[in-house]
Amino acid sequence: MNVSIWLLVGALVGLVNVFSIVRTVTRMRPGAPVVALWAVMGGFMARLALSLLALAVALRHNAAAGLLVFAGIWLARWVCIWSTRNR
């Protein structure tokens, strides 16, 4: 497959991860610590599973594809952090 596709897959997984974290944080309420704990744990498991799935599929193709997916995830997270640092 094309190099840019694996990088794009990684970037999309990274964006989904970031928006999942943002959604979890914005939905937390001070009066419901148990609900917040389950939301954080459930979101973490879903994000971990999605990242592992993308990496596993890419690594079954070849090592370079796995590295590109990893780089896409990493770059997407840093771009989101950098773009929101002055808000």
PDB file of N, CA and C in Angstrom:
ATOM      1  N   MET A   1       0.833  -1.189   0.000  1.00  0.00           N
ATOM      2  CA  MET A   1       0.000   0.000   0.000  1.00  0.00           C
ATOM      3  C   MET A   1       0.876   1.250   0.000  1.00  0.00           C
ATOM      4  N   ASN A   2       0.241   2.314  -0.283  1.00  0.00           N
ATOM      5  CA  ASN A   2       0.922   3.595  -0.371  1.00  0.00           C
ATOM      6  C   ASN A   2       1.338   4.087   1.025  1.00  0.00           C
ATOM      7  N   VAL A   3       2.470   4.752   1.077  1.00  0.00           N
ATOM      8  CA  VAL A   3       3.005   5.274   2.334  1.00  0.00           C
ATOM      9  C   VAL A   3       2.042   6.267   2.974  1.00  0.00           C
ATOM     10  N   SER A   4       1.457   7.124   2.172  1.00  0.00           N
ATOM     11  CA  SER A   4       0.590   8.167   2.725  1.00  0.00           C
ATOM     12  C   SER A   4      -0.682   7.588   3.332  1.00  0.00           C
ATOM     13  N   ILE A   5      -1.123   6.440   2.860  1.00  0.00           N
ATOM     14  CA  ILE A   5      -2.333   5.838   3.424  1.00  0.00           C
ATOM     15  C   ILE A   5      -2.089   5.396   4.859  1.00  0.00           C
ATOM     16  N   TRP A   6      -0.946   4.765   5.125  1.00  0.00           N
ATOM     17  CA  TRP A   6      -0.651   4.325   6.491  1.00  0.00           C
ATOM     18  C   TRP A   6      -0.486   5.512   7.427  1.00  0.00           C
ATOM     19  N   LEU A   7       0.145   6.563   6.945  1.00  0.00           N
ATOM     20  CA  LEU A   7       0.295   7.769   7.764  1.00  0.00           C
ATOM     21  C   LEU A   7      -1.072   8.394   8.043  1.00  0.00           C
ATOM     22  N   LEU A   8      -1.942   8.397   7.049  1.00  0.00           N
ATOM     23  CA  LEU A   8      -3.289   8.934   7.213  1.00  0.00           C
ATOM     24  C   LEU A   8      -4.104   8.084   8.191  1.00  0.00           C
ATOM     25  N   VAL A   9      -3.976   6.770   8.111  1.00  0.00           N
ATOM     26  CA  VAL A   9      -4.668   5.889   9.063  1.00  0.00           C
ATOM     27  C   VAL A   9      -4.217   6.212  10.485  1.00  0.00           C
ATOM     28  N   GLY A  10      -2.917   6.356  10.678  1.00  0.00           N
ATOM     29  CA  GLY A  10      -2.407   6.710  11.996  1.00  0.00           C
ATOM     30  C   GLY A  10      -2.910   8.066  12.468  1.00  0.00           C
ATOM     31  N   ALA A  11      -2.937   9.026  11.575  1.00  0.00           N
ATOM     32  CA  ALA A  11      -3.422  10.363  11.941  1.00  0.00           C
ATOM     33  C   ALA A  11      -4.901  10.325  12.308  1.00  0.00           C
ATOM     34  N   LEU A  12      -5.692   9.553  11.588  1.00  0.00           N
ATOM     35  CA  LEU A  12      -7.116   9.450  11.916  1.00  0.00           C
ATOM     36  C   LEU A  12      -7.327   8.778  13.266  1.00  0.00           C
ATOM     37  N   VAL A  13      -6.563   7.742  13.553  1.00  0.00           N
ATOM     38  CA  VAL A  13      -6.653   7.092  14.862  1.00  0.00           C
ATOM     39  C   VAL A  13      -6.228   8.071  15.959  1.00  0.00           C
ATOM     40  N   GLY A  14      -5.183   8.838  15.711  1.00  0.00           N
ATOM     41  CA  GLY A  14      -4.745   9.835  16.679  1.00  0.00           C
ATOM     42  C   GLY A  14      -5.799  10.899  16.932  1.00  0.00           C
ATOM     43  N   LEU A  15      -6.471  11.350  15.885  1.00  0.00           N
ATOM     44  CA  LEU A  15      -7.529  12.350  16.051  1.00  0.00           C
ATOM     45  C   LEU A  15      -8.716  11.780  16.812  1.00  0.00           C
ATOM     46  N   VAL A  16      -9.083  10.549  16.512  1.00  0.00           N
ATOM     47  CA  VAL A  16     -10.173   9.912  17.250  1.00  0.00           C
ATOM     48  C   VAL A  16      -9.792   9.789  18.730  1.00  0.00           C
ATOM     49  N   ASN A  17      -8.552   9.456  19.005  1.00  0.00           N
ATOM     50  CA  ASN A  17      -8.081   9.364  20.393  1.00  0.00           C
ATOM     51  C   ASN A  17      -8.198  10.708  21.104  1.00  0.00           C
ATOM     52  N   VAL A  18      -7.730  11.757  20.466  1.00  0.00           N
ATOM     53  CA  VAL A  18      -7.767  13.084  21.085  1.00  0.00           C
ATOM     54  C   VAL A  18      -9.211  13.532  21.314  1.00  0.00           C
ATOM     55  N   PHE A  19     -10.068  13.365  20.320  1.00  0.00           N
ATOM     56  CA  PHE A  19     -11.456  13.807  20.489  1.00  0.00           C
ATOM     57  C   PHE A  19     -12.207  12.950  21.501  1.00  0.00           C
ATOM     58  N   SER A  20     -11.809  11.695  21.661  1.00  0.00           N
ATOM     59  CA  SER A  20     -12.405  10.856  22.692  1.00  0.00           C
ATOM     60  C   SER A  20     -12.014  11.357  24.080  1.00  0.00           C
ATOM     61  N   ILE A  21     -10.772  11.761  24.239  1.00  0.00           N
ATOM     62  CA  ILE A  21     -10.324  12.304  25.523  1.00  0.00           C
ATOM     63  C   ILE A  21     -11.052  13.611  25.823  1.00  0.00           C
ATOM     64  N   VAL A  22     -11.164  14.469  24.826  1.00  0.00           N
ATOM     65  CA  VAL A  22     -11.864  15.749  25.013  1.00  0.00           C
ATOM     66  C   VAL A  22     -13.317  15.506  25.394  1.00  0.00           C
ATOM     67  N   ARG A  23     -13.964  14.574  24.731  1.00  0.00           N
ATOM     68  CA  ARG A  23     -15.371  14.268  25.019  1.00  0.00           C
ATOM     69  C   ARG A  23     -15.523  13.732  26.444  1.00  0.00           C
ATOM     70  N   THR A  24     -14.611  12.874  26.864  1.00  0.00           N
ATOM     71  CA  THR A  24     -14.681  12.321  28.219  1.00  0.00           C
ATOM     72  C   THR A  24     -14.513  13.418  29.263  1.00  0.00           C
ATOM     73  N   VAL A  25     -13.562  14.298  29.047  1.00  0.00           N
ATOM     74  CA  VAL A  25     -13.305  15.362  30.023  1.00  0.00           C
ATOM     75  C   VAL A  25     -14.468  16.343  30.087  1.00  0.00           C
ATOM     76  N   THR A  26     -15.052  16.694  28.952  1.00  0.00           N
ATOM     77  CA  THR A  26     -16.150  17.667  28.962  1.00  0.00           C
ATOM     78  C   THR A  26     -17.440  17.099  29.559  1.00  0.00           C
ATOM     79  N   ARG A  27     -17.587  15.782  29.563  1.00  0.00           N
ATOM     80  CA  ARG A  27     -18.808  15.176  30.105  1.00  0.00           C
ATOM     81  C   ARG A  27     -18.710  14.855  31.587  1.00  0.00           C
ATOM     82  N   MET A  28     -17.563  15.075  32.213  1.00  0.00           N
ATOM     83  CA  MET A  28     -17.414  14.776  33.635  1.00  0.00           C
ATOM     84  C   MET A  28     -18.168  15.788  34.489  1.00  0.00           C
ATOM     85  N   ARG A  29     -18.766  15.274  35.554  1.00  0.00           N
ATOM     86  CA  ARG A  29     -19.496  16.111  36.494  1.00  0.00           C
ATOM     87  C   ARG A  29     -18.931  15.896  37.893  1.00  0.00           C
ATOM     88  N   PRO A  30     -18.817  16.957  38.700  1.00  0.00           N
ATOM     89  CA  PRO A  30     -18.218  16.830  40.031  1.00  0.00           C
ATOM     90  C   PRO A  30     -18.975  15.886  40.966  1.00  0.00           C
ATOM     91  N   GLY A  31     -20.267  15.758  40.824  1.00  0.00           N
ATOM     92  CA  GLY A  31     -21.049  14.956  41.760  1.00  0.00           C
ATOM     93  C   GLY A  31     -21.117  13.477  41.442  1.00  0.00           C
ATOM     94  N   ALA A  32     -20.451  13.019  40.393  1.00  0.00           N
ATOM     95  CA  ALA A  32     -20.558  11.618  39.995  1.00  0.00           C
ATOM     96  C   ALA A  32     -19.178  11.005  39.773  1.00  0.00           C
ATOM     97  N   PRO A  33     -18.426  10.746  40.864  1.00  0.00           N
ATOM     98  CA  PRO A  33     -17.073  10.212  40.687  1.00  0.00           C
ATOM     99  C   PRO A  33     -17.047   8.793  40.113  1.00  0.00           C
ATOM    100  N   VAL A  34     -18.033   7.977  40.435  1.00  0.00           N
ATOM    101  CA  VAL A  34     -18.047   6.599  39.924  1.00  0.00           C
ATOM    102  C   VAL A  34     -18.302   6.601  38.419  1.00  0.00           C
ATOM    103  N   VAL A  35     -19.214   7.436  37.975  1.00  0.00           N
ATOM    104  CA  VAL A  35     -19.494   7.541  36.542  1.00  0.00           C
ATOM    105  C   VAL A  35     -18.265   8.067  35.801  1.00  0.00           C
ATOM    106  N   ALA A  36     -17.592   9.035  36.390  1.00  0.00           N
ATOM    107  CA  ALA A  36     -16.385   9.579  35.768  1.00  0.00           C
ATOM    108  C   ALA A  36     -15.299   8.514  35.670  1.00  0.00           C
ATOM    109  N   LEU A  37     -15.143   7.711  36.715  1.00  0.00           N
ATOM    110  CA  LEU A  37     -14.144   6.651  36.697  1.00  0.00           C
ATOM    111  C   LEU A  37     -14.443   5.635  35.601  1.00  0.00           C
ATOM    112  N   TRP A  38     -15.690   5.223  35.486  1.00  0.00           N
ATOM    113  CA  TRP A  38     -16.051   4.269  34.431  1.00  0.00           C
ATOM    114  C   TRP A  38     -15.902   4.870  33.048  1.00  0.00           C
ATOM    115  N   ALA A  39     -16.210   6.148  32.907  1.00  0.00           N
ATOM    116  CA  ALA A  39     -16.050   6.806  31.605  1.00  0.00           C
ATOM    117  C   ALA A  39     -14.581   6.872  31.209  1.00  0.00           C
ATOM    118  N   VAL A  40     -13.713   7.189  32.155  1.00  0.00           N
ATOM    119  CA  VAL A  40     -12.279   7.258  31.873  1.00  0.00           C
ATOM    120  C   VAL A  40     -11.737   5.870  31.534  1.00  0.00           C
ATOM    121  N   MET A  41     -12.112   4.875  32.320  1.00  0.00           N
ATOM    122  CA  MET A  41     -11.617   3.517  32.071  1.00  0.00           C
ATOM    123  C   MET A  41     -12.142   2.958  30.754  1.00  0.00           C
ATOM    124  N   GLY A  42     -13.415   3.168  30.482  1.00  0.00           N
ATOM    125  CA  GLY A  42     -13.993   2.681  29.227  1.00  0.00           C
ATOM    126  C   GLY A  42     -13.396   3.374  28.020  1.00  0.00           C
ATOM    127  N   GLY A  43     -13.207   4.678  28.111  1.00  0.00           N
ATOM    128  CA  GLY A  43     -12.593   5.423  27.020  1.00  0.00           C
ATOM    129  C   GLY A  43     -11.157   5.007  26.784  1.00  0.00           C
ATOM    130  N   PHE A  44     -10.429   4.761  27.875  1.00  0.00           N
ATOM    131  CA  PHE A  44      -9.044   4.317  27.738  1.00  0.00           C
ATOM    132  C   PHE A  44      -8.970   2.976  27.032  1.00  0.00           C
ATOM    133  N   MET A  45      -9.831   2.052  27.429  1.00  0.00           N
ATOM    134  CA  MET A  45      -9.817   0.729  26.807  1.00  0.00           C
ATOM    135  C   MET A  45     -10.194   0.815  25.323  1.00  0.00           C
ATOM    136  N   ALA A  46     -11.154   1.654  24.982  1.00  0.00           N
ATOM    137  CA  ALA A  46     -11.551   1.805  23.577  1.00  0.00           C
ATOM    138  C   ALA A  46     -10.425   2.439  22.758  1.00  0.00           C
ATOM    139  N   ARG A  47      -9.780   3.458  23.323  1.00  0.00           N
ATOM    140  CA  ARG A  47      -8.670   4.103  22.598  1.00  0.00           C
ATOM    141  C   ARG A  47      -7.497   3.162  22.441  1.00  0.00           C
ATOM    142  N   LEU A  48      -7.197   2.395  23.467  1.00  0.00           N
ATOM    143  CA  LEU A  48      -6.113   1.424  23.396  1.00  0.00           C
ATOM    144  C   LEU A  48      -6.416   0.349  22.355  1.00  0.00           C
ATOM    145  N   ALA A  49      -7.637  -0.155  22.339  1.00  0.00           N
ATOM    146  CA  ALA A  49      -8.019  -1.189  21.372  1.00  0.00           C
ATOM    147  C   ALA A  49      -7.937  -0.660  19.944  1.00  0.00           C
ATOM    148  N   LEU A  50      -8.392   0.578  19.725  1.00  0.00           N
ATOM    149  CA  LEU A  50      -8.333   1.155  18.381  1.00  0.00           C
ATOM    150  C   LEU A  50      -6.886   1.337  17.924  1.00  0.00           C
ATOM    151  N   SER A  51      -6.039   1.825  18.805  1.00  0.00           N
ATOM    152  CA  SER A  51      -4.629   2.012  18.459  1.00  0.00           C
ATOM    153  C   SER A  51      -3.952   0.672  18.186  1.00  0.00           C
ATOM    154  N   LEU A  52      -4.218  -0.308  19.037  1.00  0.00           N
ATOM    155  CA  LEU A  52      -3.623  -1.628  18.834  1.00  0.00           C
ATOM    156  C   LEU A  52      -4.113  -2.286  17.555  1.00  0.00           C
ATOM    157  N   LEU A  53      -5.384  -2.112  17.243  1.00  0.00           N
ATOM    158  CA  LEU A  53      -5.924  -2.673  16.004  1.00  0.00           C
ATOM    159  C   LEU A  53      -5.247  -2.062  14.783  1.00  0.00           C
ATOM    160  N   ALA A  54      -5.115  -0.741  14.773  1.00  0.00           N
ATOM    161  CA  ALA A  54      -4.466  -0.074  13.638  1.00  0.00           C
ATOM    162  C   ALA A  54      -3.012  -0.509  13.508  1.00  0.00           C
ATOM    163  N   LEU A  55      -2.307  -0.584  14.630  1.00  0.00           N
ATOM    164  CA  LEU A  55      -0.910  -1.008  14.589  1.00  0.00           C
ATOM    165  C   LEU A  55      -0.768  -2.470  14.178  1.00  0.00           C
ATOM    166  N   ALA A  56      -1.650  -3.331  14.652  1.00  0.00           N
ATOM    167  CA  ALA A  56      -1.577  -4.747  14.302  1.00  0.00           C
ATOM    168  C   ALA A  56      -1.829  -4.964  12.810  1.00  0.00           C
ATOM    169  N   VAL A  57      -2.824  -4.274  12.272  1.00  0.00           N
ATOM    170  CA  VAL A  57      -3.103  -4.410  10.838  1.00  0.00           C
ATOM    171  C   VAL A  57      -1.917  -3.911  10.027  1.00  0.00           C
ATOM    172  N   ALA A  58      -1.351  -2.794  10.416  1.00  0.00           N
ATOM    173  CA  ALA A  58      -0.212  -2.242   9.678  1.00  0.00           C
ATOM    174  C   ALA A  58       1.015  -3.148   9.793  1.00  0.00           C
ATOM    175  N   LEU A  59       1.258  -3.679  10.979  1.00  0.00           N
ATOM    176  CA  LEU A  59       2.427  -4.534  11.160  1.00  0.00           C
ATOM    177  C   LEU A  59       2.287  -5.872  10.439  1.00  0.00           C
ATOM    178  N   ARG A  60       1.065  -6.319  10.209  1.00  0.00           N
ATOM    179  CA  ARG A  60       0.885  -7.532   9.418  1.00  0.00           C
ATOM    180  C   ARG A  60       1.254  -7.277   7.955  1.00  0.00           C
ATOM    181  N   HIS A  61       1.154  -6.023   7.558  1.00  0.00           N
ATOM    182  CA  HIS A  61       1.557  -5.673   6.191  1.00  0.00           C
ATOM    183  C   HIS A  61       3.083  -5.635   6.098  1.00  0.00           C
ATOM    184  N   ASN A  62       3.706  -4.782   6.876  1.00  0.00           N
ATOM    185  CA  ASN A  62       5.173  -4.760   7.026  1.00  0.00           C
ATOM    186  C   ASN A  62       5.557  -3.792   8.147  1.00  0.00           C
ATOM    187  N   ALA A  63       6.825  -3.809   8.519  1.00  0.00           N
ATOM    188  CA  ALA A  63       7.289  -2.990   9.644  1.00  0.00           C
ATOM    189  C   ALA A  63       7.217  -1.502   9.330  1.00  0.00           C
ATOM    190  N   ALA A  64       7.493  -1.123   8.107  1.00  0.00           N
ATOM    191  CA  ALA A  64       7.439   0.292   7.735  1.00  0.00           C
ATOM    192  C   ALA A  64       6.025   0.837   7.884  1.00  0.00           C
ATOM    193  N   ALA A  65       5.040   0.032   7.527  1.00  0.00           N
ATOM    194  CA  ALA A  65       3.645   0.465   7.681  1.00  0.00           C
ATOM    195  C   ALA A  65       3.317   0.663   9.157  1.00  0.00           C
ATOM    196  N   GLY A  66       3.804  -0.212  10.017  1.00  0.00           N
ATOM    197  CA  GLY A  66       3.584  -0.052  11.454  1.00  0.00           C
ATOM    198  C   GLY A  66       4.219   1.212  11.994  1.00  0.00           C
ATOM    199  N   LEU A  67       5.423   1.492  11.539  1.00  0.00           N
ATOM    200  CA  LEU A  67       6.079   2.728  11.975  1.00  0.00           C
ATOM    201  C   LEU A  67       5.346   3.963  11.472  1.00  0.00           C
ATOM    202  N   LEU A  68       4.809   3.904  10.268  1.00  0.00           N
ATOM    203  CA  LEU A  68       4.061   5.043   9.739  1.00  0.00           C
ATOM    204  C   LEU A  68       2.754   5.265  10.497  1.00  0.00           C
ATOM    205  N   VAL A  69       2.073   4.192  10.871  1.00  0.00           N
ATOM    206  CA  VAL A  69       0.857   4.344  11.674  1.00  0.00           C
ATOM    207  C   VAL A  69       1.205   4.944  13.031  1.00  0.00           C
ATOM    208  N   PHE A  70       2.263   4.451  13.648  1.00  0.00           N
ATOM    209  CA  PHE A  70       2.703   4.999  14.932  1.00  0.00           C
ATOM    210  C   PHE A  70       3.037   6.484  14.792  1.00  0.00           C
ATOM    211  N   ALA A  71       3.758   6.839  13.736  1.00  0.00           N
ATOM    212  CA  ALA A  71       4.110   8.246  13.511  1.00  0.00           C
ATOM    213  C   ALA A  71       2.864   9.092  13.287  1.00  0.00           C
ATOM    214  N   GLY A  72       1.884   8.560  12.575  1.00  0.00           N
ATOM    215  CA  GLY A  72       0.638   9.296  12.350  1.00  0.00           C
ATOM    216  C   GLY A  72      -0.111   9.555  13.640  1.00  0.00           C
ATOM    217  N   ILE A  73      -0.184   8.537  14.503  1.00  0.00           N
ATOM    218  CA  ILE A  73      -0.845   8.706  15.804  1.00  0.00           C
ATOM    219  C   ILE A  73      -0.120   9.765  16.629  1.00  0.00           C
ATOM    220  N   TRP A  74       1.184   9.656  16.672  1.00  0.00           N
ATOM    221  CA  TRP A  74       1.997  10.576  17.462  1.00  0.00           C
ATOM    222  C   TRP A  74       1.881  12.009  16.937  1.00  0.00           C
ATOM    223  N   LEU A  75       1.991  12.166  15.627  1.00  0.00           N
ATOM    224  CA  LEU A  75       1.907  13.509  15.044  1.00  0.00           C
ATOM    225  C   LEU A  75       0.531  14.130  15.220  1.00  0.00           C
ATOM    226  N   ALA A  76      -0.523  13.340  15.079  1.00  0.00           N
ATOM    227  CA  ALA A  76      -1.878  13.882  15.247  1.00  0.00           C
ATOM    228  C   ALA A  76      -2.086  14.392  16.661  1.00  0.00           C
ATOM    229  N   ARG A  77      -1.597  13.651  17.643  1.00  0.00           N
ATOM    230  CA  ARG A  77      -1.739  14.109  19.026  1.00  0.00           C
ATOM    231  C   ARG A  77      -0.984  15.414  19.258  1.00  0.00           C
ATOM    232  N   TRP A  78       0.243  15.496  18.753  1.00  0.00           N
ATOM    233  CA  TRP A  78       1.018  16.711  18.969  1.00  0.00           C
ATOM    234  C   TRP A  78       0.462  17.896  18.202  1.00  0.00           C
ATOM    235  N   VAL A  79      -0.079  17.672  17.036  1.00  0.00           N
ATOM    236  CA  VAL A  79      -0.697  18.774  16.281  1.00  0.00           C
ATOM    237  C   VAL A  79      -1.914  19.290  17.031  1.00  0.00           C
ATOM    238  N   CYS A  80      -2.716  18.393  17.586  1.00  0.00           N
ATOM    239  CA  CYS A  80      -3.882  18.834  18.366  1.00  0.00           C
ATOM    240  C   CYS A  80      -3.457  19.605  19.609  1.00  0.00           C
ATOM    241  N   ILE A  81      -2.435  19.140  20.290  1.00  0.00           N
ATOM    242  CA  ILE A  81      -1.946  19.856  21.475  1.00  0.00           C
ATOM    243  C   ILE A  81      -1.389  21.217  21.077  1.00  0.00           C
ATOM    244  N   TRP A  82      -0.608  21.253  20.027  1.00  0.00           N
ATOM    245  CA  TRP A  82      -0.003  22.506  19.596  1.00  0.00           C
ATOM    246  C   TRP A  82      -1.062  23.505  19.118  1.00  0.00           C
ATOM    247  N   SER A  83      -2.087  23.013  18.424  1.00  0.00           N
ATOM    248  CA  SER A  83      -3.092  23.927  17.878  1.00  0.00           C
ATOM    249  C   SER A  83      -4.009  24.488  18.962  1.00  0.00           C
ATOM    250  N   THR A  84      -4.103  23.836  20.117  1.00  0.00           N
ATOM    251  CA  THR A  84      -4.969  24.330  21.184  1.00  0.00           C
ATOM    252  C   THR A  84      -4.209  24.957  22.336  1.00  0.00           C
ATOM    253  N   ARG A  85      -2.934  25.165  22.206  1.00  0.00           N
ATOM    254  CA  ARG A  85      -2.142  25.657  23.337  1.00  0.00           C
ATOM    255  C   ARG A  85      -2.445  27.105  23.704  1.00  0.00           C
ATOM    256  N   ASN A  86      -2.964  27.911  22.811  1.00  0.00           N
ATOM    257  CA  ASN A  86      -3.228  29.321  23.106  1.00  0.00           C
ATOM    258  C   ASN A  86      -4.710  29.629  23.308  1.00  0.00           C
ATOM    259  N   ARG A  87      -5.512  28.609  23.508  1.00  0.00           N
ATOM    260  CA  ARG A  87      -6.950  28.863  23.688  1.00  0.00           C
ATOM    261  C   ARG A  87      -7.269  29.277  25.080  1.00  0.00           C
TER     262      ARG A  87
END
